[in-house]
Amino acid sequence: MTEHTEKDVLMKCTKCGYEEEVPRWLIDELFPNVPEENYMMHCPECDHKMIVKKIIQ
């Protein structure tokens, strides 16, 4: 059994409500020096803004 030690970020679309877990390392590479509560990306379902719902440990 492997143990999951990497942090993920649960992102939620502000329009359609779609949620997706994204590895924090990926977002850190896309947005260096941005506080994690300010991460933002485009929703793959409706192309609207996704924001951080919570940080998953």
N, C-alpha and C. Protein backbone atom coordinates (compact mmCIF):
# COMPACT_ATOMS: atom_id res chain seq x y z
N MET A 1 0.84 -1.18 0.00
CA MET A 1 0.00 0.00 0.00
C MET A 1 0.88 1.24 0.00
N THR A 2 0.60 2.16 -0.90
CA THR A 2 1.37 3.39 -0.95
C THR A 2 0.63 4.50 -0.21
N GLU A 3 1.42 5.37 0.37
CA GLU A 3 0.84 6.47 1.13
C GLU A 3 0.90 7.75 0.31
N HIS A 4 -0.20 8.45 0.24
CA HIS A 4 -0.29 9.70 -0.53
C HIS A 4 0.19 10.84 0.36
N THR A 5 1.36 11.42 0.03
CA THR A 5 1.91 12.49 0.85
C THR A 5 1.88 13.83 0.14
N GLU A 6 1.56 13.85 -1.13
CA GLU A 6 1.53 15.08 -1.90
C GLU A 6 0.22 15.85 -1.65
N LYS A 7 0.34 17.17 -1.58
CA LYS A 7 -0.86 17.98 -1.41
C LYS A 7 -1.58 18.14 -2.74
N ASP A 8 -2.89 18.13 -2.69
CA ASP A 8 -3.72 18.43 -3.85
C ASP A 8 -4.55 19.66 -3.52
N VAL A 9 -5.02 20.30 -4.56
CA VAL A 9 -5.88 21.46 -4.40
C VAL A 9 -7.22 21.12 -5.05
N LEU A 10 -8.29 21.24 -4.30
CA LEU A 10 -9.62 21.01 -4.86
C LEU A 10 -10.11 22.33 -5.43
N MET A 11 -10.28 22.36 -6.75
CA MET A 11 -10.74 23.55 -7.45
C MET A 11 -12.22 23.40 -7.75
N LYS A 12 -12.97 24.51 -7.71
CA LYS A 12 -14.40 24.48 -8.00
C LYS A 12 -14.75 25.63 -8.94
N CYS A 13 -15.54 25.32 -9.96
CA CYS A 13 -15.98 26.33 -10.91
C CYS A 13 -17.01 27.26 -10.26
N THR A 14 -16.85 28.55 -10.49
CA THR A 14 -17.77 29.53 -9.91
C THR A 14 -19.07 29.62 -10.69
N LYS A 15 -19.13 28.98 -11.86
CA LYS A 15 -20.35 29.04 -12.67
C LYS A 15 -21.14 27.73 -12.63
N CYS A 16 -20.50 26.63 -13.05
CA CYS A 16 -21.24 25.36 -13.16
C CYS A 16 -21.07 24.44 -11.95
N GLY A 17 -20.13 24.74 -11.06
CA GLY A 17 -19.94 23.92 -9.87
C GLY A 17 -19.05 22.70 -10.05
N TYR A 18 -18.48 22.50 -11.25
CA TYR A 18 -17.58 21.37 -11.49
C TYR A 18 -16.41 21.45 -10.52
N GLU A 19 -16.01 20.29 -9.96
CA GLU A 19 -14.89 20.23 -9.04
C GLU A 19 -13.84 19.25 -9.55
N GLU A 20 -12.57 19.58 -9.31
CA GLU A 20 -11.48 18.71 -9.73
C GLU A 20 -10.30 18.89 -8.80
N GLU A 21 -9.65 17.76 -8.43
CA GLU A 21 -8.44 17.82 -7.63
C GLU A 21 -7.25 18.01 -8.57
N VAL A 22 -6.41 18.96 -8.24
CA VAL A 22 -5.23 19.27 -9.05
C VAL A 22 -4.01 19.18 -8.15
N PRO A 23 -2.95 18.49 -8.59
CA PRO A 23 -1.73 18.42 -7.77
C PRO A 23 -1.17 19.83 -7.53
N ARG A 24 -0.82 20.10 -6.29
CA ARG A 24 -0.32 21.43 -5.95
C ARG A 24 0.96 21.75 -6.71
N TRP A 25 1.83 20.77 -6.95
CA TRP A 25 3.08 21.03 -7.65
C TRP A 25 2.82 21.58 -9.05
N LEU A 26 1.75 21.11 -9.68
CA LEU A 26 1.42 21.57 -11.02
C LEU A 26 1.00 23.04 -11.00
N ILE A 27 0.17 23.40 -10.05
CA ILE A 27 -0.28 24.78 -9.95
C ILE A 27 0.88 25.69 -9.56
N ASP A 28 1.76 25.20 -8.67
CA ASP A 28 2.93 25.98 -8.27
C ASP A 28 3.82 26.30 -9.47
N GLU A 29 3.93 25.36 -10.41
CA GLU A 29 4.74 25.61 -11.61
C GLU A 29 4.06 26.60 -12.54
N LEU A 30 2.74 26.55 -12.63
CA LEU A 30 2.01 27.47 -13.49
C LEU A 30 1.95 28.87 -12.91
N PHE A 31 1.85 28.96 -11.58
CA PHE A 31 1.68 30.25 -10.90
C PHE A 31 2.68 30.40 -9.76
N PRO A 32 3.97 30.58 -10.08
CA PRO A 32 4.96 30.72 -9.01
C PRO A 32 4.71 32.01 -8.22
N ASN A 33 4.99 31.95 -6.93
CA ASN A 33 4.88 33.10 -6.03
C ASN A 33 3.45 33.63 -5.86
N VAL A 34 2.46 32.79 -6.09
CA VAL A 34 1.07 33.16 -5.86
C VAL A 34 0.57 32.38 -4.65
N PRO A 35 0.00 33.05 -3.65
CA PRO A 35 -0.53 32.32 -2.49
C PRO A 35 -1.57 31.28 -2.93
N GLU A 36 -1.56 30.11 -2.29
CA GLU A 36 -2.44 29.02 -2.74
C GLU A 36 -3.92 29.37 -2.70
N GLU A 37 -4.34 30.26 -1.82
CA GLU A 37 -5.76 30.63 -1.80
C GLU A 37 -6.15 31.48 -3.01
N ASN A 38 -5.16 31.98 -3.76
CA ASN A 38 -5.43 32.81 -4.95
C ASN A 38 -5.30 32.05 -6.27
N TYR A 39 -5.07 30.73 -6.20
CA TYR A 39 -4.96 29.95 -7.44
C TYR A 39 -6.27 30.06 -8.22
N MET A 40 -6.13 30.11 -9.53
CA MET A 40 -7.31 30.21 -10.39
C MET A 40 -6.98 29.52 -11.71
N MET A 41 -7.96 28.85 -12.28
CA MET A 41 -7.78 28.21 -13.59
C MET A 41 -9.12 28.17 -14.32
N HIS A 42 -9.09 27.73 -15.58
CA HIS A 42 -10.32 27.67 -16.37
C HIS A 42 -10.98 26.30 -16.22
N CYS A 43 -12.28 26.30 -16.13
CA CYS A 43 -13.06 25.08 -16.00
C CYS A 43 -13.04 24.30 -17.31
N PRO A 44 -12.74 22.99 -17.27
CA PRO A 44 -12.75 22.19 -18.50
C PRO A 44 -14.17 21.92 -19.01
N GLU A 45 -15.17 22.16 -18.18
CA GLU A 45 -16.55 21.91 -18.58
C GLU A 45 -17.20 23.11 -19.26
N CYS A 46 -17.02 24.31 -18.68
CA CYS A 46 -17.71 25.49 -19.23
C CYS A 46 -16.77 26.66 -19.53
N ASP A 47 -15.46 26.48 -19.29
CA ASP A 47 -14.44 27.49 -19.57
C ASP A 47 -14.60 28.75 -18.73
N HIS A 48 -15.28 28.64 -17.60
CA HIS A 48 -15.42 29.76 -16.67
C HIS A 48 -14.29 29.65 -15.62
N LYS A 49 -14.28 30.52 -14.65
CA LYS A 49 -13.23 30.58 -13.64
C LYS A 49 -13.42 29.52 -12.55
N MET A 50 -12.32 28.78 -12.26
CA MET A 50 -12.29 27.85 -11.13
C MET A 50 -11.42 28.47 -10.04
N ILE A 51 -11.87 28.35 -8.79
CA ILE A 51 -11.12 28.87 -7.67
C ILE A 51 -10.89 27.74 -6.66
N VAL A 52 -10.03 27.99 -5.70
CA VAL A 52 -9.71 27.00 -4.67
C VAL A 52 -10.90 26.77 -3.76
N LYS A 53 -11.30 25.52 -3.62
CA LYS A 53 -12.33 25.18 -2.65
C LYS A 53 -11.66 24.80 -1.34
N LYS A 54 -10.62 23.95 -1.41
CA LYS A 54 -9.84 23.63 -0.21
C LYS A 54 -8.54 22.95 -0.60
N ILE A 55 -7.58 23.00 0.32
CA ILE A 55 -6.30 22.32 0.15
C ILE A 55 -6.43 20.95 0.82
N ILE A 56 -6.09 19.90 0.10
CA ILE A 56 -6.21 18.54 0.59
C ILE A 56 -4.83 18.04 0.98
N GLN A 57 -4.68 17.58 2.20
CA GLN A 57 -3.38 17.10 2.68
C GLN A 57 -3.23 15.63 2.46
